Structure formats: structure tokens, C-alpha cells
Amino acid sequence: MPDLRLGRLPKVGVVRMTIILPEPLKEELDQYAAEHSRLYEPVDTAALIPHMLEAFVGSDRGWRSRKAKAGRARQRAASPASTMARSGAEGDGSD
């Protein structure tokens, strides 16, 4: 039988968040957690949800593209300021 997409869970710091789920989704998550527990180690359904969300966000090409564009825009915005600071400092000493 093939492994599940999530695989073994890493140990990471956590933040508490409360969410509301439709009953059928909760049942599906419980079934997934049971199968994950059978293949790897016992795990609570709630412990799987952050890893599922991380996998979903990481596999969303549109999100990664927008995130990369935003990062490049921040770098461009920061770059002229640091260039001006360097040239301004050089200009002060040559007068």
C-alpha cells in the first residue's frame, strides 16, 4: 500500500487556533488520522490539520507565484534606499 502524502510529522512549535468544520469533513479527517496512525505512529486528528494546511499552501502554484512577486517587490523597494545611503555617505566625504 502506498504511503500517505503527509508522511511522518515533524516536531515544530505551535500556536493554538480554533476552527469550525463541517461534520463530513471532520469524519474524513478522523479516518485519515486513523490510517496515518496505522502506517506511522498514533496521532490525533487535530495534529494532522496544520501539516495538511502547510502541504496545501506549499503546493498552491498561484500562492507561491504571488509570494515570490511580493518578495521581489520588497527587495526592489529596499534596494534603492540602501544604494542612496551608500552614495550619500560617499558624497559627504568628497565635498
PDB file of N, CA and C in Angstrom:
ATOM      1  N   MET A   1       0.860  -1.183   0.000  1.00  0.00           N
ATOM      2  CA  MET A   1       0.000   0.000   0.000  1.00  0.00           C
ATOM      3  C   MET A   1       0.901   1.239   0.000  1.00  0.00           C
ATOM      4  N   PRO A   2       0.579   2.241  -0.824  1.00  0.00           N
ATOM      5  CA  PRO A   2       1.414   3.449  -0.875  1.00  0.00           C
ATOM      6  C   PRO A   2       1.315   4.266   0.407  1.00  0.00           C
ATOM      7  N   ASP A   3       2.393   4.999   0.666  1.00  0.00           N
ATOM      8  CA  ASP A   3       2.407   5.893   1.825  1.00  0.00           C
ATOM      9  C   ASP A   3       1.433   7.044   1.602  1.00  0.00           C
ATOM     10  N   LEU A   4       1.051   7.681   2.682  1.00  0.00           N
ATOM     11  CA  LEU A   4       0.196   8.855   2.591  1.00  0.00           C
ATOM     12  C   LEU A   4       1.039  10.065   2.210  1.00  0.00           C
ATOM     13  N   ARG A   5       0.429  11.053   1.636  1.00  0.00           N
ATOM     14  CA  ARG A   5       1.137  12.243   1.172  1.00  0.00           C
ATOM     15  C   ARG A   5       1.877  12.962   2.305  1.00  0.00           C
ATOM     16  N   LEU A   6       1.291  13.003   3.510  1.00  0.00           N
ATOM     17  CA  LEU A   6       1.923  13.734   4.606  1.00  0.00           C
ATOM     18  C   LEU A   6       3.170  13.056   5.142  1.00  0.00           C
ATOM     19  N   GLY A   7       3.215  11.750   5.164  1.00  0.00           N
ATOM     20  CA  GLY A   7       4.367  11.065   5.734  1.00  0.00           C
ATOM     21  C   GLY A   7       4.473  11.305   7.230  1.00  0.00           C
ATOM     22  N   ARG A   8       5.655  11.099   7.773  1.00  0.00           N
ATOM     23  CA  ARG A   8       5.872  11.312   9.210  1.00  0.00           C
ATOM     24  C   ARG A   8       5.795  12.797   9.531  1.00  0.00           C
ATOM     25  N   LEU A   9       5.294  13.116  10.717  1.00  0.00           N
ATOM     26  CA  LEU A   9       5.128  14.510  11.114  1.00  0.00           C
ATOM     27  C   LEU A   9       6.375  15.042  11.804  1.00  0.00           C
ATOM     28  N   PRO A  10       6.821  16.249  11.425  1.00  0.00           N
ATOM     29  CA  PRO A  10       7.964  16.848  12.112  1.00  0.00           C
ATOM     30  C   PRO A  10       7.546  17.443  13.449  1.00  0.00           C
ATOM     31  N   LYS A  11       8.497  17.632  14.333  1.00  0.00           N
ATOM     32  CA  LYS A  11       8.238  18.284  15.617  1.00  0.00           C
ATOM     33  C   LYS A  11       8.496  19.780  15.428  1.00  0.00           C
ATOM     34  N   VAL A  12       7.472  20.607  15.668  1.00  0.00           N
ATOM     35  CA  VAL A  12       7.606  22.053  15.497  1.00  0.00           C
ATOM     36  C   VAL A  12       6.864  22.788  16.608  1.00  0.00           C
ATOM     37  N   GLY A  13       7.167  24.079  16.781  1.00  0.00           N
ATOM     38  CA  GLY A  13       6.431  24.907  17.724  1.00  0.00           C
ATOM     39  C   GLY A  13       5.006  25.101  17.233  1.00  0.00           C
ATOM     40  N   VAL A  14       4.094  25.409  18.127  1.00  0.00           N
ATOM     41  CA  VAL A  14       2.694  25.506  17.748  1.00  0.00           C
ATOM     42  C   VAL A  14       2.047  26.776  18.271  1.00  0.00           C
ATOM     43  N   VAL A  15       0.961  27.166  17.629  1.00  0.00           N
ATOM     44  CA  VAL A  15       0.098  28.265  18.049  1.00  0.00           C
ATOM     45  C   VAL A  15      -1.319  27.717  18.068  1.00  0.00           C
ATOM     46  N   ARG A  16      -2.083  27.989  19.112  1.00  0.00           N
ATOM     47  CA  ARG A  16      -3.445  27.464  19.223  1.00  0.00           C
ATOM     48  C   ARG A  16      -4.392  28.309  18.373  1.00  0.00           C
ATOM     49  N   MET A  17      -5.269  27.607  17.631  1.00  0.00           N
ATOM     50  CA  MET A  17      -6.260  28.256  16.786  1.00  0.00           C
ATOM     51  C   MET A  17      -7.516  27.393  16.787  1.00  0.00           C
ATOM     52  N   THR A  18      -8.660  28.007  16.862  1.00  0.00           N
ATOM     53  CA  THR A  18      -9.919  27.269  16.858  1.00  0.00           C
ATOM     54  C   THR A  18     -10.573  27.423  15.490  1.00  0.00           C
ATOM     55  N   ILE A  19     -11.008  26.293  14.903  1.00  0.00           N
ATOM     56  CA  ILE A  19     -11.691  26.337  13.612  1.00  0.00           C
ATOM     57  C   ILE A  19     -13.005  25.563  13.705  1.00  0.00           C
ATOM     58  N   ILE A  20     -13.906  25.856  12.786  1.00  0.00           N
ATOM     59  CA  ILE A  20     -15.188  25.158  12.704  1.00  0.00           C
ATOM     60  C   ILE A  20     -15.189  24.368  11.396  1.00  0.00           C
ATOM     61  N   LEU A  21     -15.526  23.067  11.489  1.00  0.00           N
ATOM     62  CA  LEU A  21     -15.530  22.182  10.327  1.00  0.00           C
ATOM     63  C   LEU A  21     -16.915  21.600  10.102  1.00  0.00           C
ATOM     64  N   PRO A  22     -17.275  21.375   8.850  1.00  0.00           N
ATOM     65  CA  PRO A  22     -18.500  20.613   8.594  1.00  0.00           C
ATOM     66  C   PRO A  22     -18.312  19.166   9.078  1.00  0.00           C
ATOM     67  N   GLU A  23     -19.385  18.545   9.550  1.00  0.00           N
ATOM     68  CA  GLU A  23     -19.286  17.182  10.082  1.00  0.00           C
ATOM     69  C   GLU A  23     -18.669  16.188   9.106  1.00  0.00           C
ATOM     70  N   PRO A  24     -19.060  16.198   7.815  1.00  0.00           N
ATOM     71  CA  PRO A  24     -18.448  15.216   6.902  1.00  0.00           C
ATOM     72  C   PRO A  24     -16.926  15.387   6.782  1.00  0.00           C
ATOM     73  N   LEU A  25     -16.446  16.621   6.815  1.00  0.00           N
ATOM     74  CA  LEU A  25     -15.003  16.847   6.747  1.00  0.00           C
ATOM     75  C   LEU A  25     -14.328  16.336   8.014  1.00  0.00           C
ATOM     76  N   LYS A  26     -14.922  16.563   9.155  1.00  0.00           N
ATOM     77  CA  LYS A  26     -14.370  16.061  10.424  1.00  0.00           C
ATOM     78  C   LYS A  26     -14.264  14.542  10.392  1.00  0.00           C
ATOM     79  N   GLU A  27     -15.305  13.874   9.891  1.00  0.00           N
ATOM     80  CA  GLU A  27     -15.287  12.412   9.790  1.00  0.00           C
ATOM     81  C   GLU A  27     -14.169  11.942   8.855  1.00  0.00           C
ATOM     82  N   GLU A  28     -14.011  12.636   7.735  1.00  0.00           N
ATOM     83  CA  GLU A  28     -12.956  12.294   6.775  1.00  0.00           C
ATOM     84  C   GLU A  28     -11.573  12.483   7.399  1.00  0.00           C
ATOM     85  N   LEU A  29     -11.394  13.563   8.126  1.00  0.00           N
ATOM     86  CA  LEU A  29     -10.121  13.809   8.803  1.00  0.00           C
ATOM     87  C   LEU A  29      -9.842  12.745   9.867  1.00  0.00           C
ATOM     88  N   ASP A  30     -10.867  12.333  10.592  1.00  0.00           N
ATOM     89  CA  ASP A  30     -10.703  11.273  11.589  1.00  0.00           C
ATOM     90  C   ASP A  30     -10.273   9.966  10.919  1.00  0.00           C
ATOM     91  N   GLN A  31     -10.866   9.655   9.778  1.00  0.00           N
ATOM     92  CA  GLN A  31     -10.487   8.441   9.044  1.00  0.00           C
ATOM     93  C   GLN A  31      -9.046   8.533   8.553  1.00  0.00           C
ATOM     94  N   TYR A  32      -8.675   9.706   8.056  1.00  0.00           N
ATOM     95  CA  TYR A  32      -7.302   9.914   7.595  1.00  0.00           C
ATOM     96  C   TYR A  32      -6.330   9.752   8.763  1.00  0.00           C
ATOM     97  N   ALA A  33      -6.655  10.344   9.901  1.00  0.00           N
ATOM     98  CA  ALA A  33      -5.795  10.239  11.083  1.00  0.00           C
ATOM     99  C   ALA A  33      -5.649   8.779  11.519  1.00  0.00           C
ATOM    100  N   ALA A  34      -6.726   8.010  11.445  1.00  0.00           N
ATOM    101  CA  ALA A  34      -6.660   6.596  11.813  1.00  0.00           C
ATOM    102  C   ALA A  34      -5.711   5.847  10.876  1.00  0.00           C
ATOM    103  N   GLU A  35      -5.797   6.133   9.587  1.00  0.00           N
ATOM    104  CA  GLU A  35      -4.907   5.470   8.621  1.00  0.00           C
ATOM    105  C   GLU A  35      -3.464   5.933   8.826  1.00  0.00           C
ATOM    106  N   HIS A  36      -3.273   7.207   9.070  1.00  0.00           N
ATOM    107  CA  HIS A  36      -1.932   7.739   9.328  1.00  0.00           C
ATOM    108  C   HIS A  36      -1.354   7.075  10.575  1.00  0.00           C
ATOM    109  N   SER A  37      -2.159   6.921  11.603  1.00  0.00           N
ATOM    110  CA  SER A  37      -1.722   6.270  12.839  1.00  0.00           C
ATOM    111  C   SER A  37      -1.347   4.811  12.588  1.00  0.00           C
ATOM    112  N   ARG A  38      -2.089   4.149  11.738  1.00  0.00           N
ATOM    113  CA  ARG A  38      -1.806   2.758  11.420  1.00  0.00           C
ATOM    114  C   ARG A  38      -0.471   2.622  10.687  1.00  0.00           C
ATOM    115  N   LEU A  39      -0.183   3.557   9.769  1.00  0.00           N
ATOM    116  CA  LEU A  39       1.036   3.481   8.966  1.00  0.00           C
ATOM    117  C   LEU A  39       2.281   3.982   9.699  1.00  0.00           C
ATOM    118  N   TYR A  40       2.134   4.972  10.542  1.00  0.00           N
ATOM    119  CA  TYR A  40       3.302   5.605  11.148  1.00  0.00           C
ATOM    120  C   TYR A  40       3.304   5.457  12.669  1.00  0.00           C
ATOM    121  N   GLU A  41       2.666   6.383  13.352  1.00  0.00           N
ATOM    122  CA  GLU A  41       2.584   6.348  14.811  1.00  0.00           C
ATOM    123  C   GLU A  41       1.261   6.991  15.208  1.00  0.00           C
ATOM    124  N   PRO A  42       0.748   6.687  16.402  1.00  0.00           N
ATOM    125  CA  PRO A  42      -0.533   7.256  16.809  1.00  0.00           C
ATOM    126  C   PRO A  42      -0.505   8.787  16.750  1.00  0.00           C
ATOM    127  N   VAL A  43      -1.557   9.352  16.160  1.00  0.00           N
ATOM    128  CA  VAL A  43      -1.653  10.802  16.024  1.00  0.00           C
ATOM    129  C   VAL A  43      -3.114  11.220  16.137  1.00  0.00           C
ATOM    130  N   ASP A  44      -3.338  12.342  16.772  1.00  0.00           N
ATOM    131  CA  ASP A  44      -4.672  12.912  16.912  1.00  0.00           C
ATOM    132  C   ASP A  44      -5.029  13.651  15.622  1.00  0.00           C
ATOM    133  N   THR A  45      -6.293  13.651  15.282  1.00  0.00           N
ATOM    134  CA  THR A  45      -6.750  14.340  14.074  1.00  0.00           C
ATOM    135  C   THR A  45      -6.296  15.795  14.053  1.00  0.00           C
ATOM    136  N   ALA A  46      -6.444  16.482  15.179  1.00  0.00           N
ATOM    137  CA  ALA A  46      -6.079  17.899  15.237  1.00  0.00           C
ATOM    138  C   ALA A  46      -4.597  18.119  14.942  1.00  0.00           C
ATOM    139  N   ALA A  47      -3.749  17.150  15.258  1.00  0.00           N
ATOM    140  CA  ALA A  47      -2.317  17.287  14.998  1.00  0.00           C
ATOM    141  C   ALA A  47      -1.996  17.219  13.508  1.00  0.00           C
ATOM    142  N   LEU A  48      -2.863  16.580  12.734  1.00  0.00           N
ATOM    143  CA  LEU A  48      -2.628  16.466  11.295  1.00  0.00           C
ATOM    144  C   LEU A  48      -2.998  17.733  10.528  1.00  0.00           C
ATOM    145  N   ILE A  49      -3.982  18.461  11.008  1.00  0.00           N
ATOM    146  CA  ILE A  49      -4.534  19.587  10.245  1.00  0.00           C
ATOM    147  C   ILE A  49      -3.478  20.634   9.882  1.00  0.00           C
ATOM    148  N   PRO A  50      -2.611  21.076  10.797  1.00  0.00           N
ATOM    149  CA  PRO A  50      -1.612  22.066  10.391  1.00  0.00           C
ATOM    150  C   PRO A  50      -0.688  21.563   9.281  1.00  0.00           C
ATOM    151  N   HIS A  51      -0.334  20.288   9.322  1.00  0.00           N
ATOM    152  CA  HIS A  51       0.545  19.720   8.302  1.00  0.00           C
ATOM    153  C   HIS A  51      -0.176  19.617   6.961  1.00  0.00           C
ATOM    154  N   MET A  52      -1.457  19.314   7.000  1.00  0.00           N
ATOM    155  CA  MET A  52      -2.257  19.276   5.774  1.00  0.00           C
ATOM    156  C   MET A  52      -2.347  20.676   5.160  1.00  0.00           C
ATOM    157  N   LEU A  53      -2.584  21.664   5.999  1.00  0.00           N
ATOM    158  CA  LEU A  53      -2.671  23.040   5.508  1.00  0.00           C
ATOM    159  C   LEU A  53      -1.335  23.508   4.950  1.00  0.00           C
ATOM    160  N   GLU A  54      -0.255  23.158   5.618  1.00  0.00           N
ATOM    161  CA  GLU A  54       1.070  23.524   5.131  1.00  0.00           C
ATOM    162  C   GLU A  54       1.341  22.890   3.768  1.00  0.00           C
ATOM    163  N   ALA A  55       0.975  21.612   3.614  1.00  0.00           N
ATOM    164  CA  ALA A  55       1.156  20.924   2.339  1.00  0.00           C
ATOM    165  C   ALA A  55       0.299  21.567   1.253  1.00  0.00           C
ATOM    166  N   PHE A  56      -0.924  21.939   1.603  1.00  0.00           N
ATOM    167  CA  PHE A  56      -1.815  22.578   0.635  1.00  0.00           C
ATOM    168  C   PHE A  56      -1.250  23.922   0.179  1.00  0.00           C
ATOM    169  N   VAL A  57      -0.863  24.764   1.136  1.00  0.00           N
ATOM    170  CA  VAL A  57      -0.345  26.086   0.798  1.00  0.00           C
ATOM    171  C   VAL A  57       0.955  25.951  -0.002  1.00  0.00           C
ATOM    172  N   GLY A  58       1.800  25.014   0.391  1.00  0.00           N
ATOM    173  CA  GLY A  58       3.060  24.810  -0.315  1.00  0.00           C
ATOM    174  C   GLY A  58       2.898  24.304  -1.730  1.00  0.00           C
ATOM    175  N   SER A  59       1.796  23.633  -2.016  1.00  0.00           N
ATOM    176  CA  SER A  59       1.585  23.087  -3.355  1.00  0.00           C
ATOM    177  C   SER A  59       0.732  24.006  -4.232  1.00  0.00           C
ATOM    178  N   ASP A  60       0.312  25.146  -3.717  1.00  0.00           N
ATOM    179  CA  ASP A  60      -0.523  26.087  -4.475  1.00  0.00           C
ATOM    180  C   ASP A  60       0.382  26.976  -5.326  1.00  0.00           C
ATOM    181  N   ARG A  61       0.454  26.698  -6.618  1.00  0.00           N
ATOM    182  CA  ARG A  61       1.346  27.440  -7.520  1.00  0.00           C
ATOM    183  C   ARG A  61       1.007  28.917  -7.578  1.00  0.00           C
ATOM    184  N   GLY A  62      -0.270  29.244  -7.584  1.00  0.00           N
ATOM    185  CA  GLY A  62      -0.683  30.640  -7.617  1.00  0.00           C
ATOM    186  C   GLY A  62      -0.187  31.394  -6.397  1.00  0.00           C
ATOM    187  N   TRP A  63      -0.292  30.785  -5.230  1.00  0.00           N
ATOM    188  CA  TRP A  63       0.175  31.422  -3.996  1.00  0.00           C
ATOM    189  C   TRP A  63       1.694  31.597  -4.028  1.00  0.00           C
ATOM    190  N   ARG A  64       2.420  30.544  -4.433  1.00  0.00           N
ATOM    191  CA  ARG A  64       3.881  30.649  -4.477  1.00  0.00           C
ATOM    192  C   ARG A  64       4.314  31.745  -5.441  1.00  0.00           C
ATOM    193  N   SER A  65       3.631  31.864  -6.571  1.00  0.00           N
ATOM    194  CA  SER A  65       3.958  32.896  -7.550  1.00  0.00           C
ATOM    195  C   SER A  65       3.729  34.289  -6.975  1.00  0.00           C
ATOM    196  N   ARG A  66       2.569  34.500  -6.347  1.00  0.00           N
ATOM    197  CA  ARG A  66       2.279  35.807  -5.742  1.00  0.00           C
ATOM    198  C   ARG A  66       3.253  36.128  -4.618  1.00  0.00           C
ATOM    199  N   LYS A  67       3.591  35.126  -3.830  1.00  0.00           N
ATOM    200  CA  LYS A  67       4.518  35.324  -2.715  1.00  0.00           C
ATOM    201  C   LYS A  67       5.905  35.704  -3.244  1.00  0.00           C
ATOM    202  N   ALA A  68       6.344  35.035  -4.309  1.00  0.00           N
ATOM    203  CA  ALA A  68       7.648  35.346  -4.900  1.00  0.00           C
ATOM    204  C   ALA A  68       7.658  36.761  -5.475  1.00  0.00           C
ATOM    205  N   LYS A  69       6.579  37.148  -6.158  1.00  0.00           N
ATOM    206  CA  LYS A  69       6.497  38.507  -6.703  1.00  0.00           C
ATOM    207  C   LYS A  69       6.538  39.547  -5.591  1.00  0.00           C
ATOM    208  N   ALA A  70       5.845  39.298  -4.509  1.00  0.00           N
ATOM    209  CA  ALA A  70       5.843  40.232  -3.382  1.00  0.00           C
ATOM    210  C   ALA A  70       7.246  40.334  -2.783  1.00  0.00           C
ATOM    211  N   GLY A  71       7.940  39.221  -2.684  1.00  0.00           N
ATOM    212  CA  GLY A  71       9.307  39.227  -2.160  1.00  0.00           C
ATOM    213  C   GLY A  71      10.247  40.013  -3.054  1.00  0.00           C
ATOM    214  N   ARG A  72      10.100  39.842  -4.367  1.00  0.00           N
ATOM    215  CA  ARG A  72      10.943  40.602  -5.302  1.00  0.00           C
ATOM    216  C   ARG A  72      10.632  42.088  -5.218  1.00  0.00           C
ATOM    217  N   ALA A  73       9.359  42.433  -5.068  1.00  0.00           N
ATOM    218  CA  ALA A  73       8.973  43.844  -4.957  1.00  0.00           C
ATOM    219  C   ALA A  73       9.562  44.455  -3.687  1.00  0.00           C
ATOM    220  N   ARG A  74       9.562  43.706  -2.587  1.00  0.00           N
ATOM    221  CA  ARG A  74      10.158  44.208  -1.343  1.00  0.00           C
ATOM    222  C   ARG A  74      11.658  44.419  -1.504  1.00  0.00           C
ATOM    223  N   GLN A  75      12.313  43.491  -2.212  1.00  0.00           N
ATOM    224  CA  GLN A  75      13.753  43.632  -2.432  1.00  0.00           C
ATOM    225  C   GLN A  75      14.049  44.863  -3.280  1.00  0.00           C
ATOM    226  N   ARG A  76      13.247  45.089  -4.321  1.00  0.00           N
ATOM    227  CA  ARG A  76      13.455  46.270  -5.172  1.00  0.00           C
ATOM    228  C   ARG A  76      13.209  47.544  -4.385  1.00  0.00           C
ATOM    229  N   ALA A  77      12.210  47.546  -3.533  1.00  0.00           N
ATOM    230  CA  ALA A  77      11.899  48.729  -2.738  1.00  0.00           C
ATOM    231  C   ALA A  77      13.008  49.018  -1.736  1.00  0.00           C
ATOM    232  N   ALA A  78      13.612  47.994  -1.174  1.00  0.00           N
ATOM    233  CA  ALA A  78      14.678  48.172  -0.192  1.00  0.00           C
ATOM    234  C   ALA A  78      16.003  48.509  -0.875  1.00  0.00           C
ATOM    235  N   SER A  79      16.199  48.043  -2.067  1.00  0.00           N
ATOM    236  CA  SER A  79      17.470  48.217  -2.753  1.00  0.00           C
ATOM    237  C   SER A  79      17.821  49.680  -3.030  1.00  0.00           C
ATOM    238  N   PRO A  80      16.954  50.518  -3.592  1.00  0.00           N
ATOM    239  CA  PRO A  80      17.325  51.917  -3.848  1.00  0.00           C
ATOM    240  C   PRO A  80      17.664  52.677  -2.567  1.00  0.00           C
ATOM    241  N   ALA A  81      16.995  52.391  -1.485  1.00  0.00           N
ATOM    242  CA  ALA A  81      17.279  53.082  -0.232  1.00  0.00           C
ATOM    243  C   ALA A  81      18.688  52.769   0.246  1.00  0.00           C
ATOM    244  N   SER A  82      19.099  51.523   0.166  1.00  0.00           N
ATOM    245  CA  SER A  82      20.445  51.182   0.613  1.00  0.00           C
ATOM    246  C   SER A  82      21.487  51.738  -0.342  1.00  0.00           C
ATOM    247  N   THR A  83      21.190  51.809  -1.641  1.00  0.00           N
ATOM    248  CA  THR A  83      22.106  52.389  -2.618  1.00  0.00           C
ATOM    249  C   THR A  83      22.261  53.880  -2.367  1.00  0.00           C
ATOM    250  N   MET A  84      21.149  54.581  -2.086  1.00  0.00           N
ATOM    251  CA  MET A  84      21.200  56.012  -1.834  1.00  0.00           C
ATOM    252  C   MET A  84      21.973  56.301  -0.550  1.00  0.00           C
ATOM    253  N   ALA A  85      21.820  55.487   0.448  1.00  0.00           N
ATOM    254  CA  ALA A  85      22.528  55.688   1.706  1.00  0.00           C
ATOM    255  C   ALA A  85      24.029  55.570   1.488  1.00  0.00           C
ATOM    256  N   ARG A  86      24.451  54.583   0.684  1.00  0.00           N
ATOM    257  CA  ARG A  86      25.874  54.413   0.402  1.00  0.00           C
ATOM    258  C   ARG A  86      26.409  55.578  -0.414  1.00  0.00           C
ATOM    259  N   SER A  87      25.695  56.003  -1.466  1.00  0.00           N
ATOM    260  CA  SER A  87      26.176  57.089  -2.308  1.00  0.00           C
ATOM    261  C   SER A  87      26.146  58.408  -1.567  1.00  0.00           C
ATOM    262  N   GLY A  88      25.167  58.592  -0.676  1.00  0.00           N
ATOM    263  CA  GLY A  88      25.098  59.802   0.132  1.00  0.00           C
ATOM    264  C   GLY A  88      26.266  59.892   1.086  1.00  0.00           C
ATOM    265  N   ALA A  89      26.657  58.776   1.658  1.00  0.00           N
ATOM    266  CA  ALA A  89      27.789  58.762   2.584  1.00  0.00           C
ATOM    267  C   ALA A  89      29.074  59.055   1.833  1.00  0.00           C
ATOM    268  N   GLU A  90      29.198  58.515   0.620  1.00  0.00           N
ATOM    269  CA  GLU A  90      30.399  58.773  -0.183  1.00  0.00           C
ATOM    270  C   GLU A  90      30.442  60.236  -0.608  1.00  0.00           C
ATOM    271  N   GLY A  91      29.275  60.784  -0.962  1.00  0.00           N
ATOM    272  CA  GLY A  91      29.194  62.178  -1.398  1.00  0.00           C
ATOM    273  C   GLY A  91      29.565  63.140  -0.296  1.00  0.00           C
ATOM    274  N   ASP A  92      29.261  62.839   0.967  1.00  0.00           N
ATOM    275  CA  ASP A  92      29.550  63.729   2.086  1.00  0.00           C
ATOM    276  C   ASP A  92      31.050  63.845   2.291  1.00  0.00           C
ATOM    277  N   GLY A  93      31.789  62.801   2.054  1.00  0.00           N
ATOM    278  CA  GLY A  93      33.216  62.832   2.317  1.00  0.00           C
ATOM    279  C   GLY A  93      34.010  63.496   1.200  1.00  0.00           C
ATOM    280  N   SER A  94      33.457  63.592  -0.020  1.00  0.00           N
ATOM    281  CA  SER A  94      34.212  64.137  -1.141  1.00  0.00           C
ATOM    282  C   SER A  94      34.038  65.625  -1.318  1.00  0.00           C
ATOM    283  N   ASP A  95      33.145  66.278  -0.559  1.00  0.00           N
ATOM    284  CA  ASP A  95      32.928  67.720  -0.739  1.00  0.00           C
ATOM    285  C   ASP A  95      33.985  68.539  -0.129  1.00  0.00           C
TER     286      ASP A  95
END
